[in-house]
Amino acid sequence: MAIMKLSQEEVERLDIAREPMILNSFAEEIKWFADNQLKLLGVLLHDKIDDDYAYVILTKYDNETEYRAYSTKVSIEKIHTAERELINEMNKILREGIDI
């Protein structure tokens, strides 16, 4: 399975539960990624307070209708490092066959 980049419009169609008032106060979603089955989503964030980057990986289990957090990482200095680490972690999850 390959990890693909998603547009903001594609992410909005997924109807992911969010708390925008809380999130927007300290972070901004800047890039989104998914596997081809949309069971694994990665969100790259810019931390407005620390001016660094973070990511969250969300999973959608077979019998669930909503995504939930699976893995996070914060305090990554460079955007390209954060993106690379996010994609590598998503590939690792897929490769290891973690039940998602």
Foldseek 3Di string as FASTA:
>chain_A
DAKDWDDPVVVVVLVADDDCVVCVVFKDFDTKIADPVRQKIKTKIQGRVVRAIKMWIWGAAPPHSHIDTDDMDDDHHDSVVRVVVRRVVVVVCVVVPDHD
